[in-house]
C-alpha atoms as a PDB file:
ATOM      1  CA  MET A   1      14.766   6.332  -7.375  1.00  0.00           C
ATOM      2  CA  PRO A   2      17.500   5.305  -5.095  1.00  0.00           C
ATOM      3  CA  ALA A   3      18.304   1.600  -4.962  1.00  0.00           C
ATOM      4  CA  HIS A   4      17.440   1.566  -1.108  1.00  0.00           C
ATOM      5  CA  ALA A   5      14.154   2.817  -1.710  1.00  0.00           C
ATOM      6  CA  LEU A   6      13.507  -0.041  -4.578  1.00  0.00           C
ATOM      7  CA  THR A   7      14.533  -2.531  -1.796  1.00  0.00           C
ATOM      8  CA  ARG A   8      12.017  -1.070   0.651  1.00  0.00           C
ATOM      9  CA  ILE A   9       9.304  -1.226  -2.189  1.00  0.00           C
ATOM     10  CA  SER A  10       9.976  -4.747  -2.908  1.00  0.00           C
ATOM     11  CA  LEU A  11      10.094  -5.564   0.760  1.00  0.00           C
ATOM     12  CA  LEU A  12       6.634  -3.822   1.384  1.00  0.00           C
ATOM     13  CA  ILE A  13       5.123  -5.658  -1.699  1.00  0.00           C
ATOM     14  CA  THR A  14       6.235  -8.868  -0.319  1.00  0.00           C
ATOM     15  CA  LEU A  15       5.110  -8.329   3.285  1.00  0.00           C
ATOM     16  CA  LEU A  16       1.666  -7.341   1.803  1.00  0.00           C
ATOM     17  CA  VAL A  17       0.823 -10.842   0.838  1.00  0.00           C
ATOM     18  CA  GLY A  18       3.761 -13.104   2.124  1.00  0.00           C
ATOM     19  CA  VAL A  19       4.863 -14.296  -1.323  1.00  0.00           C
ATOM     20  CA  THR A  20       8.212 -14.015  -3.315  1.00  0.00           C
ATOM     21  CA  ALA A  21       8.748 -10.818  -5.461  1.00  0.00           C
ATOM     22  CA  ASN A  22       9.086 -12.590  -8.700  1.00  0.00           C
ATOM     23  CA  SER A  23       5.648 -14.536  -8.258  1.00  0.00           C
ATOM     24  CA  GLN A  24       3.597 -14.865 -11.458  1.00  0.00           C
ATOM     25  CA  ASP A  25       0.523 -14.325  -9.265  1.00  0.00           C
ATOM     26  CA  GLY A  26       1.803 -10.991  -7.973  1.00  0.00           C
ATOM     27  CA  GLN A  27       0.933  -9.142  -4.751  1.00  0.00           C
ATOM     28  CA  THR A  28      -2.215  -7.696  -3.720  1.00  0.00           C
ATOM     29  CA  LEU A  29      -3.182  -4.304  -2.557  1.00  0.00           C
ATOM     30  CA  GLY A  30      -6.666  -4.578  -1.100  1.00  0.00           C
ATOM     31  CA  GLY A  31      -9.163  -1.917   0.452  1.00  0.00           C
ATOM     32  CA  HIS A  32     -11.467  -0.824  -2.336  1.00  0.00           C
ATOM     33  CA  THR A  33     -15.201  -1.922  -2.210  1.00  0.00           C
ATOM     34  CA  GLY A  34     -15.665  -1.557  -6.009  1.00  0.00           C
ATOM     35  CA  TRP A  35     -13.974  -2.522  -9.232  1.00  0.00           C
ATOM     36  CA  VAL A  36     -10.581  -0.765  -9.981  1.00  0.00           C
ATOM     37  CA  GLY A  37     -10.823   1.201 -13.282  1.00  0.00           C
ATOM     38  CA  GLY A  38      -7.702   3.199 -13.002  1.00  0.00           C
ATOM     39  CA  VAL A  39      -4.248   3.003 -11.643  1.00  0.00           C
ATOM     40  CA  ALA A  40      -1.207   5.642 -11.732  1.00  0.00           C
ATOM     41  CA  PHE A  41       1.888   6.013 -10.364  1.00  0.00           C
ATOM     42  CA  ALA A  42       3.267   9.286  -9.127  1.00  0.00           C
ATOM     43  CA  PRO A  43       6.213  10.780 -11.138  1.00  0.00           C
ATOM     44  CA  ASP A  44       8.774   9.859  -8.362  1.00  0.00           C
ATOM     45  CA  GLY A  45       7.273   6.357  -8.317  1.00  0.00           C
ATOM     46  CA  LYS A  46       6.621   6.571  -4.496  1.00  0.00           C
ATOM     47  CA  THR A  47       2.968   6.742  -4.521  1.00  0.00           C
ATOM     48  CA  LEU A  48       0.252   4.760  -6.223  1.00  0.00           C
ATOM     49  CA  ALA A  49      -3.225   5.909  -7.113  1.00  0.00           C
ATOM     50  CA  THR A  50      -5.994   3.612  -7.640  1.00  0.00           C
ATOM     51  CA  ALA A  51      -9.551   4.678  -8.786  1.00  0.00           C
ATOM     52  CA  SER A  52     -12.542   2.707  -7.903  1.00  0.00           C
ATOM     53  CA  ALA A  53     -16.159   2.128  -8.630  1.00  0.00           C
ATOM     54  CA  ASP A  54     -16.519   2.688  -4.817  1.00  0.00           C
ATOM     55  CA  ARG A  55     -16.217   6.423  -5.602  1.00  0.00           C
ATOM     56  CA  THR A  56     -12.868   6.968  -4.336  1.00  0.00           C
ATOM     57  CA  VAL A  57      -9.208   7.239  -5.424  1.00  0.00           C
ATOM     58  CA  LYS A  58      -6.756   5.605  -2.884  1.00  0.00           C
ATOM     59  CA  LEU A  59      -3.324   6.879  -2.573  1.00  0.00           C
ATOM     60  CA  TRP A  60      -0.547   4.335  -1.520  1.00  0.00           C
ATOM     61  CA  HIS A  61       2.810   5.269  -0.292  1.00  0.00           C
ATOM     62  CA  LEU A  62       4.768   2.253  -1.386  1.00  0.00           C
ATOM     63  CA  ALA A  63       7.930   2.635   0.713  1.00  0.00           C
ATOM     64  CA  THR A  64       6.113   2.776   3.961  1.00  0.00           C
ATOM     65  CA  GLY A  65       3.065   0.740   3.258  1.00  0.00           C
ATOM     66  CA  LYS A  66       0.893   3.702   4.521  1.00  0.00           C
ATOM     67  CA  GLU A  67      -2.504   4.500   2.765  1.00  0.00           C
ATOM     68  CA  LEU A  68      -2.691   8.051   2.659  1.00  0.00           C
ATOM     69  CA  PRO A  69      -5.999  10.008   2.743  1.00  0.00           C
ATOM     70  CA  PRO A  70      -8.162   8.960  -0.232  1.00  0.00           C
ATOM     71  CA  LEU A  71      -9.533  11.328  -2.566  1.00  0.00           C
ATOM     72  CA  LYS A  72     -13.269  11.720  -2.134  1.00  0.00           C
ATOM     73  CA  GLY A  73     -16.223  13.847  -3.666  1.00  0.00           C
ATOM     74  CA  HIS A  74     -17.172  12.160  -6.882  1.00  0.00           C
ATOM     75  CA  ALA A  75     -20.724  10.868  -6.793  1.00  0.00           C
ATOM     76  CA  ASP A  76     -20.385   7.826  -9.100  1.00  0.00           C
ATOM     77  CA  ALA A  77     -17.783   5.486 -10.115  1.00  0.00           C
ATOM     78  CA  VAL A  78     -14.224   6.661 -10.709  1.00  0.00           C
ATOM     79  CA  VAL A  79     -12.872   5.226 -13.824  1.00  0.00           C
ATOM     80  CA  GLY A  80      -9.786   7.068 -14.702  1.00  0.00           C
ATOM     81  CA  VAL A  81      -6.867   8.528 -12.773  1.00  0.00           C
ATOM     82  CA  ALA A  82      -3.703  10.570 -13.737  1.00  0.00           C
ATOM     83  CA  TYR A  83      -0.832  12.346 -12.118  1.00  0.00           C
ATOM     84  CA  SER A  84       0.506  15.769 -13.398  1.00  0.00           C
ATOM     85  CA  PRO A  85       4.155  15.394 -14.561  1.00  0.00           C
ATOM     86  CA  ASP A  86       5.321  17.573 -11.684  1.00  0.00           C
ATOM     87  CA  GLY A  87       3.241  15.342  -9.176  1.00  0.00           C
ATOM     88  CA  ARG A  88       1.397  18.464  -7.989  1.00  0.00           C
ATOM     89  CA  TYR A  89      -2.137  17.474  -9.284  1.00  0.00           C
ATOM     90  CA  VAL A  90      -4.094  14.131  -9.652  1.00  0.00           C
ATOM     91  CA  ALA A  91      -6.806  14.373 -12.127  1.00  0.00           C
ATOM     92  CA  THR A  92      -9.742  11.917 -12.245  1.00  0.00           C
ATOM     93  CA  ALA A  93     -12.577  10.984 -14.676  1.00  0.00           C
ATOM     94  CA  SER A  94     -15.871   9.739 -13.384  1.00  0.00           C
ATOM     95  CA  HIS A  95     -19.500   8.329 -14.339  1.00  0.00           C
ATOM     96  CA  ASP A  96     -20.945  11.200 -12.624  1.00  0.00           C
ATOM     97  CA  GLY A  97     -20.158  13.485 -15.633  1.00  0.00           C
ATOM     98  CA  THR A  98     -17.413  15.411 -14.229  1.00  0.00           C
ATOM     99  CA  ALA A  99     -13.375  15.357 -14.087  1.00  0.00           C
ATOM    100  CA  ARG A 100     -11.741  16.651 -11.061  1.00  0.00           C
ATOM    101  CA  ILE A 101      -8.255  18.061 -10.290  1.00  0.00           C
ATOM    102  CA  TRP A 102      -7.009  17.334  -6.563  1.00  0.00           C
ATOM    103  CA  ASP A 103      -3.996  18.071  -4.568  1.00  0.00           C
ATOM    104  CA  PRO A 104      -2.410  14.785  -3.502  1.00  0.00           C
ATOM    105  CA  ALA A 105      -0.699  15.944  -0.535  1.00  0.00           C
ATOM    106  CA  THR A 106      -3.898  17.306   1.160  1.00  0.00           C
ATOM    107  CA  ALA A 107      -6.557  15.013  -0.596  1.00  0.00           C
ATOM    108  CA  ARG A 108      -8.319  18.265  -1.201  1.00  0.00           C
ATOM    109  CA  GLU A 109     -10.493  18.765  -4.435  1.00  0.00           C
ATOM    110  CA  LEU A 110      -9.009  21.964  -6.154  1.00  0.00           C
ATOM    111  CA  ARG A 111     -11.565  21.966  -9.140  1.00  0.00           C
ATOM    112  CA  THR A 112     -14.440  20.293 -10.632  1.00  0.00           C
ATOM    113  CA  LEU A 113     -14.554  20.162 -14.615  1.00  0.00           C
ATOM    114  CA  PRO A 114     -17.983  19.971 -16.009  1.00  0.00           C
ATOM    115  CA  GLY A 115     -19.232  19.967 -19.519  1.00  0.00           C
ATOM    116  CA  HIS A 116     -19.294  16.601 -20.564  1.00  0.00           C
ATOM    117  CA  ARG A 117     -22.790  15.197 -21.278  1.00  0.00           C
ATOM    118  CA  GLY A 118     -22.712  11.613 -19.423  1.00  0.00           C
ATOM    119  CA  ALA A 119     -19.955   9.665 -17.970  1.00  0.00           C
ATOM    120  CA  VAL A 120     -16.227  10.802 -18.498  1.00  0.00           C
ATOM    121  CA  LEU A 121     -14.111   7.736 -19.101  1.00  0.00           C
ATOM    122  CA  ALA A 122     -10.658   8.770 -19.757  1.00  0.00           C
ATOM    123  CA  VAL A 123      -8.157  11.513 -18.392  1.00  0.00           C
ATOM    124  CA  ALA A 124      -4.506  12.397 -19.560  1.00  0.00           C
ATOM    125  CA  PHE A 125      -2.023  15.073 -18.855  1.00  0.00           C
ATOM    126  CA  SER A 126       0.340  16.426 -21.743  1.00  0.00           C
ATOM    127  CA  HIS A 127       4.072  15.596 -20.659  1.00  0.00           C
ATOM    128  CA  ASP A 128       4.709  19.344 -20.048  1.00  0.00           C
ATOM    129  CA  GLY A 129       1.788  19.431 -17.729  1.00  0.00           C
ATOM    130  CA  ARG A 130      -0.060  22.215 -19.542  1.00  0.00           C
ATOM    131  CA  LEU A 131      -2.837  20.340 -20.618  1.00  0.00           C
ATOM    132  CA  LEU A 132      -5.244  17.863 -19.329  1.00  0.00           C
ATOM    133  CA  ALA A 133      -7.477  15.996 -21.746  1.00  0.00           C
ATOM    134  CA  THR A 134     -10.877  14.321 -20.939  1.00  0.00           C
ATOM    135  CA  GLY A 135     -13.108  12.077 -23.010  1.00  0.00           C
ATOM    136  CA  GLY A 136     -16.522  10.807 -22.392  1.00  0.00           C
ATOM    137  CA  LEU A 137     -19.624   8.850 -23.266  1.00  0.00           C
ATOM    138  CA  ASP A 138     -20.622  11.927 -25.576  1.00  0.00           C
ATOM    139  CA  GLY A 139     -17.681  11.293 -27.823  1.00  0.00           C
ATOM    140  CA  ASP A 140     -16.212  14.740 -26.988  1.00  0.00           C
ATOM    141  CA  ILE A 141     -12.608  15.448 -26.004  1.00  0.00           C
ATOM    142  CA  ARG A 142     -12.165  18.549 -23.828  1.00  0.00           C
ATOM    143  CA  LEU A 143      -8.823  20.311 -23.312  1.00  0.00           C
ATOM    144  CA  TRP A 144      -8.366  22.065 -19.913  1.00  0.00           C
ATOM    145  CA  GLU A 145      -5.533  24.411 -18.455  1.00  0.00           C
ATOM    146  CA  PRO A 146      -4.917  22.386 -15.189  1.00  0.00           C
ATOM    147  CA  THR A 147      -3.844  25.372 -13.144  1.00  0.00           C
ATOM    148  CA  THR A 148      -7.024  27.367 -13.508  1.00  0.00           C
ATOM    149  CA  GLY A 149      -9.490  24.800 -14.700  1.00  0.00           C
ATOM    150  CA  ALA A 150     -10.139  26.879 -17.834  1.00  0.00           C
ATOM    151  CA  GLU A 151     -11.656  24.871 -20.697  1.00  0.00           C
ATOM    152  CA  LEU A 152      -9.740  25.554 -23.782  1.00  0.00           C
ATOM    153  CA  VAL A 153     -11.251  23.662 -26.416  1.00  0.00           C
ATOM    154  CA  VAL A 154     -13.683  20.733 -27.349  1.00  0.00           C
ATOM    155  CA  LEU A 155     -12.538  18.253 -29.920  1.00  0.00           C
ATOM    156  CA  ARG A 156     -15.250  16.515 -31.864  1.00  0.00           C
ATOM    157  CA  GLY A 157     -15.234  13.873 -34.604  1.00  0.00           C
ATOM    158  CA  HIS A 158     -15.743  10.636 -32.857  1.00  0.00           C
ATOM    159  CA  GLY A 159     -19.248   9.022 -33.234  1.00  0.00           C
ATOM    160  CA  SER A 160     -19.227   7.088 -30.014  1.00  0.00           C
ATOM    161  CA  TRP A 161     -17.630   6.774 -26.641  1.00  0.00           C
ATOM    162  CA  VAL A 162     -14.138   8.018 -26.086  1.00  0.00           C
ATOM    163  CA  ASN A 163     -12.562   5.194 -24.130  1.00  0.00           C
ATOM    164  CA  GLY A 164      -8.904   6.111 -23.909  1.00  0.00           C
ATOM    165  CA  LEU A 165      -6.497   9.233 -24.528  1.00  0.00           C
ATOM    166  CA  ALA A 166      -2.773   9.455 -24.194  1.00  0.00           C
ATOM    167  CA  PHE A 167      -0.154  12.082 -25.217  1.00  0.00           C
ATOM    168  CA  SER A 168       2.922  11.615 -27.013  1.00  0.00           C
ATOM    169  CA  SER A 169       6.185  12.363 -25.051  1.00  0.00           C
ATOM    170  CA  ASP A 170       7.005  15.338 -27.129  1.00  0.00           C
ATOM    171  CA  GLY A 171       3.477  16.869 -26.465  1.00  0.00           C
ATOM    172  CA  GLU A 172       2.730  17.325 -29.932  1.00  0.00           C
ATOM    173  CA  THR A 173       0.002  14.632 -30.626  1.00  0.00           C
ATOM    174  CA  LEU A 174      -3.087  13.572 -28.578  1.00  0.00           C
ATOM    175  CA  ALA A 175      -4.205  10.026 -29.576  1.00  0.00           C
ATOM    176  CA  SER A 176      -7.958   9.320 -28.763  1.00  0.00           C
ATOM    177  CA  VAL A 177      -9.762   5.639 -29.079  1.00  0.00           C
ATOM    178  CA  SER A 178     -13.514   5.267 -29.331  1.00  0.00           C
ATOM    179  CA  SER A 179     -16.251   2.772 -29.692  1.00  0.00           C
ATOM    180  CA  ASP A 180     -16.799   4.065 -33.008  1.00  0.00           C
ATOM    181  CA  ASN A 181     -13.887   1.828 -34.390  1.00  0.00           C
ATOM    182  CA  THR A 182     -11.522   4.979 -34.892  1.00  0.00           C
ATOM    183  CA  VAL A 183      -8.055   5.964 -33.627  1.00  0.00           C
ATOM    184  CA  ARG A 184      -7.821   9.713 -33.774  1.00  0.00           C
ATOM    185  CA  LEU A 185      -4.577  11.673 -33.856  1.00  0.00           C
ATOM    186  CA  TRP A 186      -4.754  15.485 -32.909  1.00  0.00           C
ATOM    187  CA  ASP A 187      -2.139  18.059 -33.293  1.00  0.00           C
ATOM    188  CA  ALA A 188      -2.052  19.103 -29.447  1.00  0.00           C
ATOM    189  CA  PRO A 189      -0.609  22.503 -29.869  1.00  0.00           C
ATOM    190  CA  GLU A 190      -2.851  23.598 -32.647  1.00  0.00           C
ATOM    191  CA  ARG A 191      -5.735  21.587 -31.341  1.00  0.00           C
ATOM    192  CA  VAL A 192      -6.953  20.413 -34.528  1.00  0.00           C
ATOM    193  CA  ALA A 193      -7.349  17.013 -36.115  1.00  0.00           C
ATOM    194  CA  ARG A 194      -4.448  15.281 -37.852  1.00  0.00           C
ATOM    195  CA  ALA A 195      -5.326  11.800 -38.813  1.00  0.00           C
ATOM    196  CA  ARG A 196      -8.085   9.253 -38.554  1.00  0.00           C
ATOM    197  CA  ILE A 197      -7.298   5.500 -38.386  1.00  0.00           C
ATOM    198  CA  HIS A 198     -10.113   2.975 -39.028  1.00  0.00           C
ATOM    199  CA  PRO A 199      -8.705  -0.464 -38.157  1.00  0.00           C
ATOM    200  CA  ASN A 200     -12.366  -2.296 -38.600  1.00  0.00           C
ATOM    201  CA  VAL A 201     -11.509  -4.625 -35.623  1.00  0.00           C
ATOM    202  CA  GLY A 202     -14.583  -3.467 -33.515  1.00  0.00           C
ATOM    203  CA  GLU A 203     -14.574  -0.958 -30.589  1.00  0.00           C
ATOM    204  CA  LEU A 204     -11.288   0.480 -29.360  1.00  0.00           C
ATOM    205  CA  ARG A 205     -10.730   0.136 -25.649  1.00  0.00           C
ATOM    206  CA  SER A 206      -7.414   1.702 -24.575  1.00  0.00           C
ATOM    207  CA  VAL A 207      -4.201   3.443 -25.993  1.00  0.00           C
ATOM    208  CA  ALA A 208      -0.631   4.220 -24.979  1.00  0.00           C
ATOM    209  CA  PHE A 209       2.588   5.886 -26.504  1.00  0.00           C
ATOM    210  CA  ALA A 210       5.916   4.273 -26.135  1.00  0.00           C
ATOM    211  CA  PRO A 211       8.019   6.578 -24.069  1.00  0.00           C
ATOM    212  CA  ASP A 212      10.095   7.601 -27.226  1.00  0.00           C
ATOM    213  CA  GLY A 213       6.900   8.841 -28.780  1.00  0.00           C
ATOM    214  CA  LYS A 214       7.636   6.763 -32.050  1.00  0.00           C
ATOM    215  CA  THR A 215       4.954   3.933 -31.574  1.00  0.00           C
ATOM    216  CA  PHE A 216       1.650   3.790 -30.021  1.00  0.00           C
ATOM    217  CA  ALA A 217      -0.581   0.537 -29.057  1.00  0.00           C
ATOM    218  CA  VAL A 218      -4.296   0.419 -29.017  1.00  0.00           C
ATOM    219  CA  GLY A 219      -6.311  -2.608 -27.199  1.00  0.00           C
ATOM    220  CA  THR A 220      -9.478  -3.722 -28.977  1.00  0.00           C
ATOM    221  CA  ARG A 221     -12.921  -5.185 -27.956  1.00  0.00           C
ATOM    222  CA  TYR A 222     -12.132  -8.598 -29.428  1.00  0.00           C
ATOM    223  CA  GLY A 223      -8.867  -9.495 -28.229  1.00  0.00           C
ATOM    224  CA  LEU A 224      -6.447  -7.754 -30.563  1.00  0.00           C
ATOM    225  CA  VAL A 225      -3.734  -5.301 -29.859  1.00  0.00           C
ATOM    226  CA  LYS A 226      -2.720  -3.102 -32.907  1.00  0.00           C
ATOM    227  CA  VAL A 227       0.544  -1.063 -32.957  1.00  0.00           C
ATOM    228  CA  TRP A 228       1.340   1.796 -35.443  1.00  0.00           C
ATOM    229  CA  GLU A 229       4.241   4.161 -35.808  1.00  0.00           C
ATOM    230  CA  SER A 230       3.442   7.562 -34.409  1.00  0.00           C
ATOM    231  CA  THR A 231       1.705   9.283 -37.368  1.00  0.00           C
ATOM    232  CA  GLY A 232      -0.565   6.359 -37.968  1.00  0.00           C
ATOM    233  CA  ARG A 233       0.492   5.952 -41.489  1.00  0.00           C
ATOM    234  CA  GLU A 234       2.251   2.419 -40.976  1.00  0.00           C
ATOM    235  CA  GLU A 235       0.854  -0.442 -38.873  1.00  0.00           C
ATOM    236  CA  LEU A 236       3.625  -2.258 -37.219  1.00  0.00           C
ATOM    237  CA  ALA A 237       2.248  -5.283 -35.462  1.00  0.00           C
ATOM    238  CA  THR A 238      -1.143  -7.119 -34.721  1.00  0.00           C
ATOM    239  CA  LEU A 239      -0.527  -8.865 -31.477  1.00  0.00           C
ATOM    240  CA  ARG A 240      -2.931 -11.891 -30.904  1.00  0.00           C
ATOM    241  CA  GLY A 241      -3.591 -14.049 -27.875  1.00  0.00           C
ATOM    242  CA  HIS A 242      -6.093 -12.290 -25.608  1.00  0.00           C
ATOM    243  CA  SER A 243      -9.642 -13.841 -25.549  1.00  0.00           C
ATOM    244  CA  ALA A 244     -11.483 -10.842 -24.372  1.00  0.00           C
ATOM    245  CA  ASP A 245     -11.626  -7.099 -24.588  1.00  0.00           C
ATOM    246  CA  VAL A 246      -8.025  -5.522 -23.781  1.00  0.00           C
ATOM    247  CA  TRP A 247      -8.957  -2.608 -21.407  1.00  0.00           C
ATOM    248  CA  ALA A 248      -5.516  -1.621 -20.684  1.00  0.00           C
ATOM    249  CA  VAL A 249      -2.233  -1.233 -22.502  1.00  0.00           C
ATOM    250  CA  ALA A 250       1.001   0.364 -21.059  1.00  0.00           C
ATOM    251  CA  PHE A 251       4.729   0.612 -22.219  1.00  0.00           C
ATOM    252  CA  SER A 252       7.356   0.178 -19.568  1.00  0.00           C
ATOM    253  CA  PRO A 253       9.524   3.112 -18.860  1.00  0.00           C
ATOM    254  CA  ASP A 254      12.517   1.785 -21.027  1.00  0.00           C
ATOM    255  CA  GLY A 255      10.222   1.160 -23.945  1.00  0.00           C
ATOM    256  CA  ARG A 256      11.340  -2.302 -24.162  1.00  0.00           C
ATOM    257  CA  THR A 257       8.061  -4.091 -22.839  1.00  0.00           C
ATOM    258  CA  LEU A 258       4.396  -3.416 -23.803  1.00  0.00           C
ATOM    259  CA  ALA A 259       1.910  -4.996 -21.057  1.00  0.00           C
ATOM    260  CA  THR A 260      -1.677  -5.587 -22.262  1.00  0.00           C
ATOM    261  CA  GLY A 261      -4.691  -6.778 -20.015  1.00  0.00           C
ATOM    262  CA  ASP A 262      -7.993  -8.444 -20.760  1.00  0.00           C
ATOM    263  CA  GLY A 263     -10.869  -9.850 -18.997  1.00  0.00           C
ATOM    264  CA  ASP A 264     -14.410 -10.714 -19.322  1.00  0.00           C
ATOM    265  CA  TRP A 265     -16.705  -9.871 -16.514  1.00  0.00           C
ATOM    266  CA  ILE A 266     -15.908 -12.305 -13.616  1.00  0.00           C
ATOM    267  CA  ARG A 267     -13.450 -14.316 -15.349  1.00  0.00           C
ATOM    268  CA  PRO A 268      -9.748 -13.703 -14.292  1.00  0.00           C
ATOM    269  CA  GLY A 269      -7.752 -11.882 -16.822  1.00  0.00           C
ATOM    270  CA  ASP A 270      -4.349 -12.164 -18.342  1.00  0.00           C
ATOM    271  CA  ILE A 271      -1.619  -9.772 -18.633  1.00  0.00           C
ATOM    272  CA  ARG A 272       0.447 -10.456 -21.673  1.00  0.00           C
ATOM    273  CA  LEU A 273       3.872  -8.960 -22.064  1.00  0.00           C
ATOM    274  CA  TRP A 274       5.347  -8.333 -25.588  1.00  0.00           C
ATOM    275  CA  ASP A 275       8.977  -7.623 -26.606  1.00  0.00           C
ATOM    276  CA  THR A 276       8.859  -4.178 -28.595  1.00  0.00           C
ATOM    277  CA  ALA A 277      11.730  -5.099 -30.682  1.00  0.00           C
ATOM    278  CA  THR A 278      10.449  -8.225 -32.232  1.00  0.00           C
ATOM    279  CA  TRP A 279       6.779  -8.103 -31.058  1.00  0.00           C
ATOM    280  CA  LYS A 280       7.022 -11.514 -29.742  1.00  0.00           C
ATOM    281  CA  GLU A 281       5.175 -12.422 -26.549  1.00  0.00           C
ATOM    282  CA  ARG A 282       7.104 -13.069 -23.313  1.00  0.00           C
ATOM    283  CA  PRO A 283       5.799 -15.277 -20.400  1.00  0.00           C
ATOM    284  CA  GLY A 284       2.675 -13.535 -19.066  1.00  0.00           C
ATOM    285  CA  LEU A 285       1.093 -12.539 -15.507  1.00  0.00           C
ATOM    286  CA  ARG A 286      -2.092 -13.665 -13.926  1.00  0.00           C
ATOM    287  CA  HIS A 287      -4.770 -11.717 -12.197  1.00  0.00           C
ATOM    288  CA  THR A 288      -7.536 -12.843 -10.155  1.00  0.00           C
ATOM    289  CA  GLY A 289     -10.126 -10.605 -11.768  1.00  0.00           C
ATOM    290  CA  GLU A 290     -10.905  -8.836 -15.137  1.00  0.00           C
ATOM    291  CA  VAL A 291      -7.847  -6.636 -15.726  1.00  0.00           C
ATOM    292  CA  LEU A 292      -9.425  -2.882 -16.364  1.00  0.00           C
ATOM    293  CA  SER A 293      -6.272  -0.824 -15.743  1.00  0.00           C
ATOM    294  CA  LEU A 294      -2.308  -0.888 -16.175  1.00  0.00           C
ATOM    295  CA  ALA A 295       0.494   1.235 -15.381  1.00  0.00           C
ATOM    296  CA  PHE A 296       4.296   1.105 -15.052  1.00  0.00           C
ATOM    297  CA  ALA A 297       6.317   2.821 -12.359  1.00  0.00           C
ATOM    298  CA  PRO A 298       7.814   5.716 -14.228  1.00  0.00           C
ATOM    299  CA  LYS A 299      11.504   4.705 -13.717  1.00  0.00           C
ATOM    300  CA  ASP A 300      11.286   1.074 -12.915  1.00  0.00           C
ATOM    301  CA  LEU A 301       9.839  -2.137 -13.927  1.00  0.00           C
ATOM    302  CA  PHE A 302       7.089  -2.182 -11.531  1.00  0.00           C
ATOM    303  CA  LEU A 303       3.664  -3.027 -12.888  1.00  0.00           C
ATOM    304  CA  ALA A 304       0.276  -2.348 -11.411  1.00  0.00           C
ATOM    305  CA  ALA A 305      -2.947  -3.738 -12.462  1.00  0.00           C
ATOM    306  CA  GLY A 306      -6.474  -2.952 -11.421  1.00  0.00           C
ATOM    307  CA  ALA A 307      -9.356  -5.390 -11.796  1.00  0.00           C
ATOM    308  CA  TRP A 308     -12.965  -6.172 -11.552  1.00  0.00           C
ATOM    309  CA  ASP A 309     -12.474  -8.043  -8.457  1.00  0.00           C
ATOM    310  CA  LYS A 310     -11.762  -4.837  -6.530  1.00  0.00           C
ATOM    311  CA  SER A 311      -7.903  -5.750  -6.086  1.00  0.00           C
ATOM    312  CA  VAL A 312      -5.091  -4.247  -7.363  1.00  0.00           C
ATOM    313  CA  LYS A 313      -1.824  -6.421  -8.102  1.00  0.00           C
ATOM    314  CA  LEU A 314       1.812  -5.279  -8.045  1.00  0.00           C
ATOM    315  CA  TRP A 315       4.604  -7.286  -9.928  1.00  0.00           C
ATOM    316  CA  ASP A 316       8.426  -6.337  -9.905  1.00  0.00           C
ATOM    317  CA  LEU A 317       9.239  -7.270 -13.620  1.00  0.00           C
ATOM    318  CA  SER A 318      13.052  -6.602 -12.895  1.00  0.00           C
ATOM    319  CA  VAL A 319      13.375  -9.912 -11.486  1.00  0.00           C
ATOM    320  CA  LYS A 320      11.076 -11.891 -13.633  1.00  0.00           C
ATOM    321  CA  LYS A 321      12.881 -14.229 -15.914  1.00  0.00           C
END
């Protein structure tokens, strides 16, 4: 993104709440009437999608401050959102038992993806955009062809809810985490199980791959964050400090920082920042609500966090010392 665009985004965020761009408290986007379970930046970094229990996804054009037409049609809370790598599609996951694919340019629903038995809790695009993965309350993972909405395969093996999904950057591996206390690694092209990890730390809430695909991080129910190398054979770090469920994990686009967010119902949540070279903790961030979702902008150090208190906060970490 051009430097002048970044400056405009920083100015916009500052104007939204009237505080400096490096405030630990962040800048707030309001407007949702329900908790915010998913956040995702468009591939060009110019738009932020926020998914809420109010059954909508709001699209924010950051450089102008304009709220674009929202995505409406789900019959229950929207808990996950993802952009396709080319920005043509937005995928959503909902407690209404469906995933949906939208055209963000027109806010038009393109396809409804049925099949899960119960709430759909997670959604992720592969990095070439050829696969869309959904996971849900039924413990299943379904792979879809995004342009047609055709269901390709159902991956089974988890014994409880699938809470998080993430593809590696090379598209070869899909990681899934579940309330059954396991991480499963799937061969995405072959659509078969590759590895099963049982960390014995309770329910697993969230997962993210580093941009280089060499490591992945998992957030857990009881405040731990676990980091493994990409095959799952070697555990690299156990990160301690959270006091509640780690609902969200996200790597910065340069791979140097891991952000992890927690919270416990109405208690304000913490966002902890970790140096991925040493796994030492850096100064963290505060949120006004339980942190349910995190996302970095694709090319820059803008971090977005959605929370139980219906708000979304934004930070420019490039100016944080």
